[in-house]
Amino acid sequence: MARIFLAFALIASFLGTTSCTSGAVEQVNLDADVAATTDPFIRAVKRGDYKNTEKMIAPSFADDSRVQFEQMSALLKKAPPMVPALYVPKQKTFGPDRDEVSVTYVAHDGKHWFSAEIRLYRPKDGKFEVEYWDVKKAQKPPPLLAHAQQMRTFTRWLMGGIAACALLGLALLIWIVKRRTHIIAPDPVQETRRVAATVRHAD
């Protein structure tokens, strides 16, 4: 029984710890072919290397990218190391389209949130190209990231609640079984009998 309550305490402490780390950015896993474009793109923009970023830009966005490059690069240079925090394939009628995806890199320096949104498109039998990108600095996290963090927190609490209910149910079952066994087979009590003694007097 003590172990069950110890497990319950561990679950509660885990939930309390995760709920207090709202400033932390959780990294998501990217498909290898997506990361092969977005990771070097972010590094090149942060270095101010337009020549390399231009190779990954779709022709339709090349002019806009050139205009905004210096401003966006200056923002990224001020940002801590960024990690991919959102990965959203474009939704279509028959499911997600892996050839059109959006990736958002995020960093938090304790005061400000930095986000870099990159939209990718992959032509048939080709590599991903950046068809749109933007860098922002704000006091609050990006709305999609805040929503994702809320969903993760809700999922953790839900799973923790289910685990806690299961442990409490198990503890109750063990208590009922032990109690029932005690009622059916009570502790043995030593039976005592009174013995009558007769004394005869000699005439």
N, C-alpha and C. Protein backbone atom coordinates (compact mmCIF):
# COMPACT_ATOMS: atom_id res chain seq x y z
N MET A 1 0.83 -1.21 0.00
CA MET A 1 0.00 0.00 0.00
C MET A 1 0.86 1.26 0.00
N ALA A 2 1.95 1.22 0.76
CA ALA A 2 2.84 2.39 0.84
C ALA A 2 3.45 2.69 -0.53
N ARG A 3 3.76 1.64 -1.30
CA ARG A 3 4.35 1.84 -2.62
C ARG A 3 3.36 2.53 -3.56
N ILE A 4 2.09 2.19 -3.43
CA ILE A 4 1.07 2.81 -4.28
C ILE A 4 0.99 4.31 -4.01
N PHE A 5 0.98 4.70 -2.75
CA PHE A 5 0.92 6.12 -2.41
C PHE A 5 2.21 6.84 -2.81
N LEU A 6 3.34 6.12 -2.77
CA LEU A 6 4.59 6.70 -3.22
C LEU A 6 4.54 6.99 -4.72
N ALA A 7 3.98 6.04 -5.49
CA ALA A 7 3.82 6.25 -6.93
C ALA A 7 2.91 7.42 -7.22
N PHE A 8 1.84 7.54 -6.43
CA PHE A 8 0.91 8.67 -6.59
C PHE A 8 1.64 10.00 -6.34
N ALA A 9 2.48 10.03 -5.33
CA ALA A 9 3.24 11.25 -5.02
C ALA A 9 4.21 11.60 -6.14
N LEU A 10 4.83 10.58 -6.75
CA LEU A 10 5.75 10.82 -7.86
C LEU A 10 5.03 11.41 -9.06
N ILE A 11 3.82 10.89 -9.35
CA ILE A 11 3.02 11.42 -10.46
C ILE A 11 2.69 12.88 -10.22
N ALA A 12 2.28 13.20 -9.00
CA ALA A 12 1.91 14.58 -8.67
C ALA A 12 3.11 15.51 -8.80
N SER A 13 4.28 15.06 -8.35
CA SER A 13 5.47 15.91 -8.44
C SER A 13 5.89 16.11 -9.88
N PHE A 14 5.72 15.07 -10.73
CA PHE A 14 6.06 15.19 -12.15
C PHE A 14 5.17 16.22 -12.84
N LEU A 15 3.88 16.15 -12.55
CA LEU A 15 2.94 17.10 -13.15
C LEU A 15 3.23 18.51 -12.68
N GLY A 16 3.57 18.65 -11.42
CA GLY A 16 3.88 19.98 -10.89
C GLY A 16 5.12 20.56 -11.53
N THR A 17 6.12 19.69 -11.78
CA THR A 17 7.35 20.17 -12.40
C THR A 17 7.13 20.61 -13.82
N THR A 18 6.40 19.80 -14.62
CA THR A 18 6.19 20.13 -16.02
C THR A 18 5.32 21.35 -16.18
N SER A 19 4.41 21.59 -15.25
CA SER A 19 3.54 22.75 -15.38
C SER A 19 4.26 24.05 -15.09
N CYS A 20 5.45 23.97 -14.44
CA CYS A 20 6.18 25.18 -14.07
C CYS A 20 7.23 25.56 -15.10
N THR A 21 7.35 24.80 -16.19
CA THR A 21 8.39 25.06 -17.17
C THR A 21 7.80 25.64 -18.43
N SER A 22 6.89 26.61 -18.30
CA SER A 22 6.22 27.18 -19.46
C SER A 22 7.18 27.94 -20.36
N GLY A 23 8.36 28.40 -19.82
CA GLY A 23 9.31 29.12 -20.64
C GLY A 23 10.18 28.21 -21.48
N ALA A 24 10.20 26.94 -21.20
CA ALA A 24 11.02 26.00 -21.95
C ALA A 24 10.37 25.71 -23.30
N VAL A 25 11.21 25.51 -24.32
CA VAL A 25 10.72 25.21 -25.66
C VAL A 25 10.96 23.73 -25.93
N GLU A 26 9.90 23.01 -26.23
CA GLU A 26 10.02 21.58 -26.53
C GLU A 26 10.28 21.39 -28.02
N GLN A 27 11.32 20.67 -28.32
CA GLN A 27 11.70 20.45 -29.71
C GLN A 27 10.89 19.31 -30.32
N VAL A 28 10.44 19.51 -31.56
CA VAL A 28 9.73 18.46 -32.28
C VAL A 28 10.69 17.83 -33.29
N ASN A 29 10.40 16.60 -33.65
CA ASN A 29 11.22 15.89 -34.63
C ASN A 29 10.75 16.23 -36.05
N LEU A 30 11.69 16.55 -36.89
CA LEU A 30 11.39 16.85 -38.29
C LEU A 30 11.78 15.67 -39.17
N ASP A 31 11.05 15.52 -40.27
CA ASP A 31 11.47 14.54 -41.27
C ASP A 31 12.85 14.94 -41.79
N ALA A 32 13.64 13.94 -42.14
CA ALA A 32 15.03 14.20 -42.54
C ALA A 32 15.11 15.14 -43.74
N ASP A 33 14.21 14.96 -44.71
CA ASP A 33 14.28 15.80 -45.91
C ASP A 33 13.83 17.24 -45.63
N VAL A 34 12.98 17.42 -44.61
CA VAL A 34 12.58 18.77 -44.20
C VAL A 34 13.73 19.45 -43.47
N ALA A 35 14.31 18.75 -42.50
CA ALA A 35 15.43 19.31 -41.72
C ALA A 35 16.63 19.61 -42.61
N ALA A 36 16.79 18.86 -43.70
CA ALA A 36 17.91 19.08 -44.60
C ALA A 36 17.85 20.45 -45.26
N THR A 37 16.67 21.05 -45.28
CA THR A 37 16.51 22.41 -45.82
C THR A 37 16.42 23.46 -44.72
N THR A 38 15.59 23.21 -43.71
CA THR A 38 15.33 24.24 -42.71
C THR A 38 16.52 24.51 -41.79
N ASP A 39 17.22 23.47 -41.36
CA ASP A 39 18.36 23.67 -40.45
C ASP A 39 19.45 24.53 -41.08
N PRO A 40 19.94 24.18 -42.29
CA PRO A 40 20.96 25.04 -42.89
C PRO A 40 20.43 26.42 -43.26
N PHE A 41 19.15 26.52 -43.55
CA PHE A 41 18.57 27.82 -43.88
C PHE A 41 18.62 28.76 -42.67
N ILE A 42 18.20 28.25 -41.50
CA ILE A 42 18.24 29.06 -40.28
C ILE A 42 19.67 29.48 -39.96
N ARG A 43 20.61 28.55 -40.07
CA ARG A 43 22.01 28.87 -39.76
C ARG A 43 22.56 29.93 -40.71
N ALA A 44 22.21 29.82 -41.99
CA ALA A 44 22.71 30.78 -42.98
C ALA A 44 22.13 32.18 -42.75
N VAL A 45 20.83 32.25 -42.42
CA VAL A 45 20.21 33.54 -42.15
C VAL A 45 20.85 34.18 -40.92
N LYS A 46 21.10 33.38 -39.90
CA LYS A 46 21.69 33.91 -38.66
C LYS A 46 23.11 34.42 -38.91
N ARG A 47 23.84 33.78 -39.82
CA ARG A 47 25.20 34.23 -40.16
C ARG A 47 25.19 35.47 -41.05
N GLY A 48 24.03 35.73 -41.66
CA GLY A 48 23.96 36.82 -42.63
C GLY A 48 24.44 36.40 -44.00
N ASP A 49 24.39 35.10 -44.26
CA ASP A 49 24.89 34.53 -45.52
C ASP A 49 23.74 34.44 -46.54
N TYR A 50 23.50 35.53 -47.25
CA TYR A 50 22.38 35.53 -48.20
C TYR A 50 22.64 34.63 -49.40
N LYS A 51 23.90 34.51 -49.77
CA LYS A 51 24.23 33.73 -50.96
C LYS A 51 23.76 32.28 -50.82
N ASN A 52 23.94 31.70 -49.62
CA ASN A 52 23.51 30.32 -49.41
C ASN A 52 22.00 30.20 -49.22
N THR A 53 21.41 31.20 -48.55
CA THR A 53 19.95 31.13 -48.36
C THR A 53 19.23 31.25 -49.70
N GLU A 54 19.80 32.03 -50.61
CA GLU A 54 19.15 32.23 -51.91
C GLU A 54 18.99 30.92 -52.68
N LYS A 55 19.92 29.99 -52.45
CA LYS A 55 19.85 28.69 -53.14
C LYS A 55 18.65 27.87 -52.71
N MET A 56 18.13 28.16 -51.49
CA MET A 56 17.00 27.37 -50.97
C MET A 56 15.66 28.08 -51.14
N ILE A 57 15.67 29.30 -51.65
CA ILE A 57 14.45 30.08 -51.81
C ILE A 57 13.78 29.73 -53.14
N ALA A 58 12.45 29.58 -53.12
CA ALA A 58 11.69 29.36 -54.35
C ALA A 58 11.74 30.64 -55.19
N PRO A 59 11.81 30.52 -56.51
CA PRO A 59 11.89 31.70 -57.38
C PRO A 59 10.76 32.70 -57.15
N SER A 60 9.58 32.22 -56.79
CA SER A 60 8.44 33.11 -56.60
C SER A 60 8.59 34.03 -55.39
N PHE A 61 9.49 33.68 -54.44
CA PHE A 61 9.65 34.50 -53.23
C PHE A 61 11.04 35.13 -53.16
N ALA A 62 11.81 35.01 -54.19
CA ALA A 62 13.19 35.47 -54.16
C ALA A 62 13.29 36.97 -53.92
N ASP A 63 12.48 37.76 -54.61
CA ASP A 63 12.56 39.23 -54.46
C ASP A 63 12.17 39.67 -53.05
N ASP A 64 11.06 39.15 -52.53
CA ASP A 64 10.64 39.51 -51.17
C ASP A 64 11.68 39.08 -50.14
N SER A 65 12.28 37.93 -50.36
CA SER A 65 13.29 37.43 -49.42
C SER A 65 14.50 38.35 -49.39
N ARG A 66 14.90 38.85 -50.54
CA ARG A 66 16.06 39.74 -50.63
C ARG A 66 15.80 41.05 -49.87
N VAL A 67 14.57 41.56 -49.96
CA VAL A 67 14.23 42.82 -49.32
C VAL A 67 14.27 42.71 -47.79
N GLN A 68 13.78 41.59 -47.25
CA GLN A 68 13.64 41.46 -45.80
C GLN A 68 14.86 40.81 -45.15
N PHE A 69 15.81 40.35 -45.94
CA PHE A 69 16.88 39.52 -45.39
C PHE A 69 17.67 40.20 -44.28
N GLU A 70 18.15 41.40 -44.48
CA GLU A 70 19.01 42.06 -43.50
C GLU A 70 18.29 42.25 -42.16
N GLN A 71 17.04 42.68 -42.22
CA GLN A 71 16.28 42.90 -40.98
C GLN A 71 16.06 41.60 -40.23
N MET A 72 15.69 40.54 -40.96
CA MET A 72 15.42 39.25 -40.33
C MET A 72 16.71 38.62 -39.79
N SER A 73 17.80 38.80 -40.52
CA SER A 73 19.07 38.26 -40.07
C SER A 73 19.53 38.93 -38.77
N ALA A 74 19.31 40.25 -38.69
CA ALA A 74 19.68 40.99 -37.47
C ALA A 74 18.89 40.49 -36.26
N LEU A 75 17.62 40.16 -36.46
CA LEU A 75 16.80 39.61 -35.36
C LEU A 75 17.33 38.26 -34.91
N LEU A 76 17.66 37.39 -35.86
CA LEU A 76 18.14 36.05 -35.51
C LEU A 76 19.48 36.10 -34.80
N LYS A 77 20.30 37.08 -35.13
CA LYS A 77 21.61 37.19 -34.48
C LYS A 77 21.47 37.50 -33.00
N LYS A 78 20.37 38.15 -32.62
CA LYS A 78 20.12 38.47 -31.20
C LYS A 78 19.47 37.31 -30.45
N ALA A 79 18.97 36.33 -31.19
CA ALA A 79 18.21 35.24 -30.57
C ALA A 79 19.13 34.14 -30.04
N PRO A 80 18.73 33.46 -28.96
CA PRO A 80 19.45 32.26 -28.52
C PRO A 80 19.32 31.16 -29.58
N PRO A 81 20.04 30.06 -29.41
CA PRO A 81 19.89 28.95 -30.37
C PRO A 81 18.42 28.54 -30.50
N MET A 82 17.98 28.41 -31.74
CA MET A 82 16.57 28.11 -32.00
C MET A 82 16.38 26.63 -32.30
N VAL A 83 15.22 26.12 -31.92
CA VAL A 83 14.90 24.71 -32.17
C VAL A 83 13.54 24.65 -32.86
N PRO A 84 13.32 23.62 -33.68
CA PRO A 84 12.00 23.47 -34.30
C PRO A 84 10.95 23.10 -33.24
N ALA A 85 9.95 23.95 -33.09
CA ALA A 85 8.93 23.73 -32.06
C ALA A 85 7.57 23.39 -32.66
N LEU A 86 7.37 23.69 -33.93
CA LEU A 86 6.10 23.39 -34.60
C LEU A 86 6.38 22.82 -35.98
N TYR A 87 5.68 21.74 -36.29
CA TYR A 87 5.80 21.11 -37.62
C TYR A 87 4.39 20.79 -38.09
N VAL A 88 3.93 21.51 -39.12
CA VAL A 88 2.53 21.40 -39.54
C VAL A 88 2.46 21.11 -41.04
N PRO A 89 2.19 19.86 -41.44
CA PRO A 89 1.93 19.58 -42.85
C PRO A 89 0.60 20.18 -43.29
N LYS A 90 0.51 20.61 -44.52
CA LYS A 90 -0.72 21.18 -45.02
C LYS A 90 -1.80 20.09 -45.10
N GLN A 91 -2.99 20.42 -44.57
CA GLN A 91 -4.08 19.45 -44.55
C GLN A 91 -4.87 19.49 -45.85
N LYS A 92 -5.10 18.32 -46.39
CA LYS A 92 -5.93 18.19 -47.59
C LYS A 92 -7.06 17.20 -47.33
N THR A 93 -7.89 17.00 -48.33
CA THR A 93 -9.09 16.17 -48.16
C THR A 93 -8.74 14.77 -47.69
N PHE A 94 -7.69 14.20 -48.25
CA PHE A 94 -7.35 12.81 -47.94
C PHE A 94 -6.19 12.69 -46.96
N GLY A 95 -5.97 13.74 -46.17
CA GLY A 95 -4.93 13.67 -45.15
C GLY A 95 -3.86 14.73 -45.36
N PRO A 96 -2.81 14.70 -44.52
CA PRO A 96 -1.75 15.71 -44.61
C PRO A 96 -0.92 15.57 -45.88
N ASP A 97 -0.53 16.70 -46.42
CA ASP A 97 0.31 16.74 -47.62
C ASP A 97 1.76 16.92 -47.19
N ARG A 98 2.58 15.90 -47.37
CA ARG A 98 3.98 15.95 -46.93
C ARG A 98 4.84 16.78 -47.86
N ASP A 99 4.28 17.26 -48.97
CA ASP A 99 5.05 18.09 -49.90
C ASP A 99 4.86 19.59 -49.63
N GLU A 100 3.95 19.95 -48.72
CA GLU A 100 3.75 21.34 -48.32
C GLU A 100 3.67 21.38 -46.80
N VAL A 101 4.71 21.90 -46.17
CA VAL A 101 4.77 21.89 -44.71
C VAL A 101 5.19 23.26 -44.20
N SER A 102 4.89 23.49 -42.93
CA SER A 102 5.30 24.71 -42.26
C SER A 102 6.07 24.33 -41.00
N VAL A 103 7.23 24.93 -40.81
CA VAL A 103 8.07 24.66 -39.65
C VAL A 103 8.34 25.99 -38.94
N THR A 104 8.19 26.00 -37.63
CA THR A 104 8.47 27.21 -36.85
C THR A 104 9.57 26.92 -35.84
N TYR A 105 10.65 27.65 -35.96
CA TYR A 105 11.76 27.56 -35.00
C TYR A 105 11.53 28.63 -33.92
N VAL A 106 11.79 28.26 -32.67
CA VAL A 106 11.49 29.16 -31.55
C VAL A 106 12.65 29.18 -30.57
N ALA A 107 12.84 30.34 -29.95
CA ALA A 107 13.81 30.49 -28.86
C ALA A 107 13.26 31.50 -27.86
N HIS A 108 13.68 31.34 -26.60
CA HIS A 108 13.22 32.23 -25.53
C HIS A 108 14.43 32.64 -24.71
N ASP A 109 14.66 33.95 -24.56
CA ASP A 109 15.84 34.42 -23.83
C ASP A 109 15.53 34.84 -22.40
N GLY A 110 14.33 34.50 -21.92
CA GLY A 110 13.92 34.87 -20.58
C GLY A 110 13.00 36.07 -20.57
N LYS A 111 13.09 36.92 -21.60
CA LYS A 111 12.24 38.09 -21.70
C LYS A 111 11.41 38.10 -22.99
N HIS A 112 12.06 37.71 -24.08
CA HIS A 112 11.41 37.79 -25.38
C HIS A 112 11.37 36.42 -26.07
N TRP A 113 10.39 36.28 -26.92
CA TRP A 113 10.25 35.08 -27.74
C TRP A 113 10.67 35.42 -29.18
N PHE A 114 11.52 34.59 -29.74
CA PHE A 114 11.93 34.72 -31.13
C PHE A 114 11.35 33.55 -31.91
N SER A 115 10.74 33.84 -33.04
CA SER A 115 10.16 32.76 -33.85
C SER A 115 10.51 32.99 -35.32
N ALA A 116 10.81 31.90 -36.01
CA ALA A 116 11.11 31.94 -37.43
C ALA A 116 10.21 30.92 -38.13
N GLU A 117 9.24 31.43 -38.87
CA GLU A 117 8.33 30.55 -39.60
C GLU A 117 8.86 30.32 -41.01
N ILE A 118 8.89 29.05 -41.41
CA ILE A 118 9.38 28.69 -42.74
C ILE A 118 8.34 27.78 -43.41
N ARG A 119 7.86 28.21 -44.56
CA ARG A 119 6.93 27.38 -45.32
C ARG A 119 7.67 26.77 -46.50
N LEU A 120 7.49 25.48 -46.64
CA LEU A 120 8.24 24.72 -47.65
C LEU A 120 7.30 24.08 -48.67
N TYR A 121 7.82 23.97 -49.87
CA TYR A 121 7.10 23.25 -50.93
C TYR A 121 8.10 22.38 -51.67
N ARG A 122 7.68 21.14 -51.96
CA ARG A 122 8.56 20.23 -52.70
C ARG A 122 7.94 19.89 -54.05
N PRO A 123 8.59 20.31 -55.13
CA PRO A 123 8.10 19.92 -56.46
C PRO A 123 8.25 18.41 -56.65
N LYS A 124 7.60 17.89 -57.65
CA LYS A 124 7.69 16.44 -57.91
C LYS A 124 9.14 16.05 -58.19
N ASP A 125 9.56 15.00 -57.47
CA ASP A 125 10.92 14.47 -57.63
C ASP A 125 11.99 15.54 -57.39
N GLY A 126 11.69 16.47 -56.49
CA GLY A 126 12.66 17.52 -56.21
C GLY A 126 12.90 17.66 -54.72
N LYS A 127 13.65 18.69 -54.35
CA LYS A 127 13.94 18.97 -52.94
C LYS A 127 13.01 20.09 -52.45
N PHE A 128 12.89 20.19 -51.14
CA PHE A 128 12.07 21.25 -50.56
C PHE A 128 12.68 22.62 -50.87
N GLU A 129 11.79 23.56 -51.15
CA GLU A 129 12.18 24.95 -51.36
C GLU A 129 11.42 25.83 -50.39
N VAL A 130 12.04 26.92 -49.97
CA VAL A 130 11.40 27.87 -49.05
C VAL A 130 10.55 28.83 -49.88
N GLU A 131 9.24 28.74 -49.72
CA GLU A 131 8.36 29.62 -50.49
C GLU A 131 7.88 30.82 -49.65
N TYR A 132 8.18 30.81 -48.34
CA TYR A 132 7.88 31.95 -47.47
C TYR A 132 8.65 31.77 -46.17
N TRP A 133 9.14 32.88 -45.62
CA TRP A 133 9.77 32.82 -44.30
C TRP A 133 9.66 34.19 -43.64
N ASP A 134 9.64 34.17 -42.30
CA ASP A 134 9.47 35.40 -41.55
C ASP A 134 10.04 35.19 -40.15
N VAL A 135 10.61 36.24 -39.58
CA VAL A 135 11.19 36.19 -38.23
C VAL A 135 10.51 37.26 -37.39
N LYS A 136 10.13 36.88 -36.16
CA LYS A 136 9.45 37.83 -35.27
C LYS A 136 10.05 37.77 -33.87
N LYS A 137 9.93 38.91 -33.19
CA LYS A 137 10.33 39.02 -31.79
C LYS A 137 9.14 39.59 -31.02
N ALA A 138 8.75 38.93 -29.93
CA ALA A 138 7.55 39.35 -29.21
C ALA A 138 7.68 39.05 -27.72
N GLN A 139 6.78 39.64 -26.94
CA GLN A 139 6.74 39.40 -25.50
C GLN A 139 6.11 38.05 -25.17
N LYS A 140 5.24 37.59 -26.05
CA LYS A 140 4.52 36.34 -25.81
C LYS A 140 4.91 35.30 -26.86
N PRO A 141 4.74 34.02 -26.56
CA PRO A 141 5.06 32.99 -27.54
C PRO A 141 4.10 33.05 -28.72
N PRO A 142 4.48 32.49 -29.86
CA PRO A 142 3.57 32.45 -31.01
C PRO A 142 2.26 31.75 -30.62
N PRO A 143 1.12 32.22 -31.12
CA PRO A 143 -0.18 31.64 -30.72
C PRO A 143 -0.25 30.12 -30.93
N LEU A 144 0.26 29.64 -32.05
CA LEU A 144 0.20 28.20 -32.30
C LEU A 144 1.04 27.42 -31.29
N LEU A 145 2.19 27.99 -30.91
CA LEU A 145 3.03 27.32 -29.92
C LEU A 145 2.35 27.31 -28.56
N ALA A 146 1.73 28.45 -28.18
CA ALA A 146 1.02 28.51 -26.89
C ALA A 146 -0.10 27.48 -26.86
N HIS A 147 -0.81 27.35 -27.97
CA HIS A 147 -1.89 26.36 -28.04
C HIS A 147 -1.33 24.94 -27.92
N ALA A 148 -0.22 24.68 -28.61
CA ALA A 148 0.39 23.35 -28.54
C ALA A 148 0.86 23.03 -27.13
N GLN A 149 1.44 24.01 -26.44
CA GLN A 149 1.89 23.79 -25.06
C GLN A 149 0.72 23.52 -24.13
N GLN A 150 -0.39 24.23 -24.35
CA GLN A 150 -1.58 23.99 -23.54
C GLN A 150 -2.11 22.58 -23.76
N MET A 151 -2.09 22.13 -25.00
CA MET A 151 -2.55 20.77 -25.30
C MET A 151 -1.64 19.73 -24.66
N ARG A 152 -0.31 19.98 -24.70
CA ARG A 152 0.62 19.03 -24.06
C ARG A 152 0.40 18.98 -22.56
N THR A 153 0.21 20.15 -21.95
CA THR A 153 -0.04 20.20 -20.50
C THR A 153 -1.33 19.48 -20.15
N PHE A 154 -2.38 19.73 -20.95
CA PHE A 154 -3.66 19.07 -20.71
C PHE A 154 -3.52 17.55 -20.83
N THR A 155 -2.76 17.11 -21.84
CA THR A 155 -2.56 15.66 -22.04
C THR A 155 -1.82 15.05 -20.86
N ARG A 156 -0.80 15.77 -20.36
CA ARG A 156 -0.04 15.26 -19.20
C ARG A 156 -0.96 15.12 -17.98
N TRP A 157 -1.75 16.17 -17.72
CA TRP A 157 -2.65 16.11 -16.57
C TRP A 157 -3.69 15.01 -16.75
N LEU A 158 -4.18 14.85 -17.97
CA LEU A 158 -5.17 13.80 -18.22
C LEU A 158 -4.57 12.41 -17.96
N MET A 159 -3.37 12.17 -18.51
CA MET A 159 -2.72 10.88 -18.30
C MET A 159 -2.37 10.68 -16.83
N GLY A 160 -1.93 11.77 -16.17
CA GLY A 160 -1.62 11.67 -14.75
C GLY A 160 -2.86 11.37 -13.93
N GLY A 161 -3.99 11.99 -14.29
CA GLY A 161 -5.26 11.73 -13.59
C GLY A 161 -5.71 10.29 -13.77
N ILE A 162 -5.57 9.78 -15.00
CA ILE A 162 -5.94 8.38 -15.26
C ILE A 162 -5.06 7.44 -14.43
N ALA A 163 -3.75 7.73 -14.41
CA ALA A 163 -2.83 6.88 -13.64
C ALA A 163 -3.16 6.95 -12.14
N ALA A 164 -3.47 8.16 -11.66
CA ALA A 164 -3.79 8.32 -10.24
C ALA A 164 -5.07 7.56 -9.88
N CYS A 165 -6.09 7.64 -10.76
CA CYS A 165 -7.33 6.90 -10.52
C CYS A 165 -7.09 5.39 -10.52
N ALA A 166 -6.23 4.95 -11.43
CA ALA A 166 -5.92 3.53 -11.47
C ALA A 166 -5.22 3.08 -10.18
N LEU A 167 -4.30 3.89 -9.68
CA LEU A 167 -3.60 3.55 -8.45
C LEU A 167 -4.55 3.55 -7.25
N LEU A 168 -5.43 4.55 -7.21
CA LEU A 168 -6.40 4.60 -6.11
C LEU A 168 -7.35 3.42 -6.16
N GLY A 169 -7.76 3.06 -7.41
CA GLY A 169 -8.63 1.89 -7.56
C GLY A 169 -7.94 0.61 -7.11
N LEU A 170 -6.66 0.49 -7.44
CA LEU A 170 -5.89 -0.69 -7.02
C LEU A 170 -5.76 -0.74 -5.50
N ALA A 171 -5.48 0.44 -4.91
CA ALA A 171 -5.36 0.49 -3.44
C ALA A 171 -6.68 0.11 -2.77
N LEU A 172 -7.81 0.59 -3.33
CA LEU A 172 -9.11 0.25 -2.78
C LEU A 172 -9.40 -1.23 -2.91
N LEU A 173 -9.03 -1.81 -4.06
CA LEU A 173 -9.25 -3.24 -4.28
C LEU A 173 -8.45 -4.08 -3.28
N ILE A 174 -7.19 -3.68 -3.07
CA ILE A 174 -6.36 -4.41 -2.12
C ILE A 174 -6.95 -4.32 -0.71
N TRP A 175 -7.43 -3.13 -0.35
CA TRP A 175 -8.01 -2.95 0.98
C TRP A 175 -9.26 -3.80 1.15
N ILE A 176 -10.12 -3.87 0.10
CA ILE A 176 -11.35 -4.66 0.17
C ILE A 176 -11.02 -6.15 0.31
N VAL A 177 -10.03 -6.61 -0.49
CA VAL A 177 -9.66 -8.03 -0.43
C VAL A 177 -9.13 -8.39 0.95
N LYS A 178 -8.27 -7.53 1.50
CA LYS A 178 -7.73 -7.81 2.83
C LYS A 178 -8.83 -7.78 3.88
N ARG A 179 -9.74 -6.83 3.75
CA ARG A 179 -10.84 -6.71 4.72
C ARG A 179 -11.76 -7.91 4.64
N ARG A 180 -12.06 -8.36 3.43
CA ARG A 180 -12.96 -9.50 3.26
C ARG A 180 -12.33 -10.77 3.82
N THR A 181 -11.04 -10.94 3.59
CA THR A 181 -10.35 -12.11 4.12
C THR A 181 -10.40 -12.11 5.64
N HIS A 182 -10.28 -10.94 6.22
CA HIS A 182 -10.31 -10.85 7.69
C HIS A 182 -11.70 -11.21 8.23
N ILE A 183 -12.76 -10.83 7.48
CA ILE A 183 -14.13 -11.14 7.94
C ILE A 183 -14.42 -12.62 7.81
N ILE A 184 -14.01 -13.22 6.67
CA ILE A 184 -14.30 -14.65 6.43
C ILE A 184 -13.49 -15.51 7.38
N ALA A 185 -12.25 -15.19 7.56
CA ALA A 185 -11.39 -16.00 8.43
C ALA A 185 -10.82 -15.11 9.52
N PRO A 186 -11.59 -14.87 10.56
CA PRO A 186 -11.12 -13.99 11.64
C PRO A 186 -9.94 -14.62 12.37
N ASP A 187 -9.26 -13.78 13.09
CA ASP A 187 -8.11 -14.26 13.85
C ASP A 187 -8.56 -15.31 14.87
N PRO A 188 -7.80 -16.42 14.96
CA PRO A 188 -8.18 -17.47 15.90
C PRO A 188 -8.13 -16.96 17.34
N VAL A 189 -9.19 -17.30 18.09
CA VAL A 189 -9.27 -16.92 19.50
C VAL A 189 -9.25 -18.20 20.34
N GLN A 190 -8.38 -18.25 21.27
CA GLN A 190 -8.26 -19.46 22.10
C GLN A 190 -9.50 -19.60 22.99
N GLU A 191 -10.14 -20.77 22.83
CA GLU A 191 -11.37 -21.01 23.59
C GLU A 191 -11.03 -21.46 25.01
N THR A 192 -11.72 -20.89 25.95
CA THR A 192 -11.50 -21.27 27.36
C THR A 192 -12.79 -21.86 27.91
N ARG A 193 -12.67 -22.97 28.60
CA ARG A 193 -13.83 -23.63 29.21
C ARG A 193 -13.67 -23.69 30.73
N ARG A 194 -14.77 -23.45 31.36
CA ARG A 194 -14.75 -23.58 32.81
C ARG A 194 -14.95 -25.04 33.22
N VAL A 195 -14.17 -25.47 34.12
CA VAL A 195 -14.25 -26.86 34.59
C VAL A 195 -14.81 -26.84 36.01
N ALA A 196 -15.91 -27.60 36.15
CA ALA A 196 -16.53 -27.66 37.49
C ALA A 196 -15.82 -28.69 38.35
N ALA A 197 -15.46 -28.32 39.51
CA ALA A 197 -14.75 -29.25 40.43
C ALA A 197 -15.69 -29.59 41.59
N THR A 198 -15.78 -30.88 41.86
CA THR A 198 -16.63 -31.33 42.99
C THR A 198 -15.75 -31.86 44.13
N VAL A 199 -16.11 -31.51 45.28
CA VAL A 199 -15.33 -31.95 46.47
C VAL A 199 -16.24 -32.83 47.34
N ARG A 200 -15.82 -34.01 47.64
CA ARG A 200 -16.58 -34.91 48.48
C ARG A 200 -16.00 -34.91 49.89
N HIS A 201 -16.92 -34.81 50.83
CA HIS A 201 -16.48 -34.85 52.22
C HIS A 201 -16.67 -36.25 52.77
N ALA A 202 -15.70 -36.74 53.41
CA ALA A 202 -15.80 -38.09 54.00
C ALA A 202 -16.73 -38.05 55.23
N ASP A 203 -17.61 -39.05 55.29
CA ASP A 203 -18.56 -39.10 56.42
C ASP A 203 -17.81 -39.47 57.72
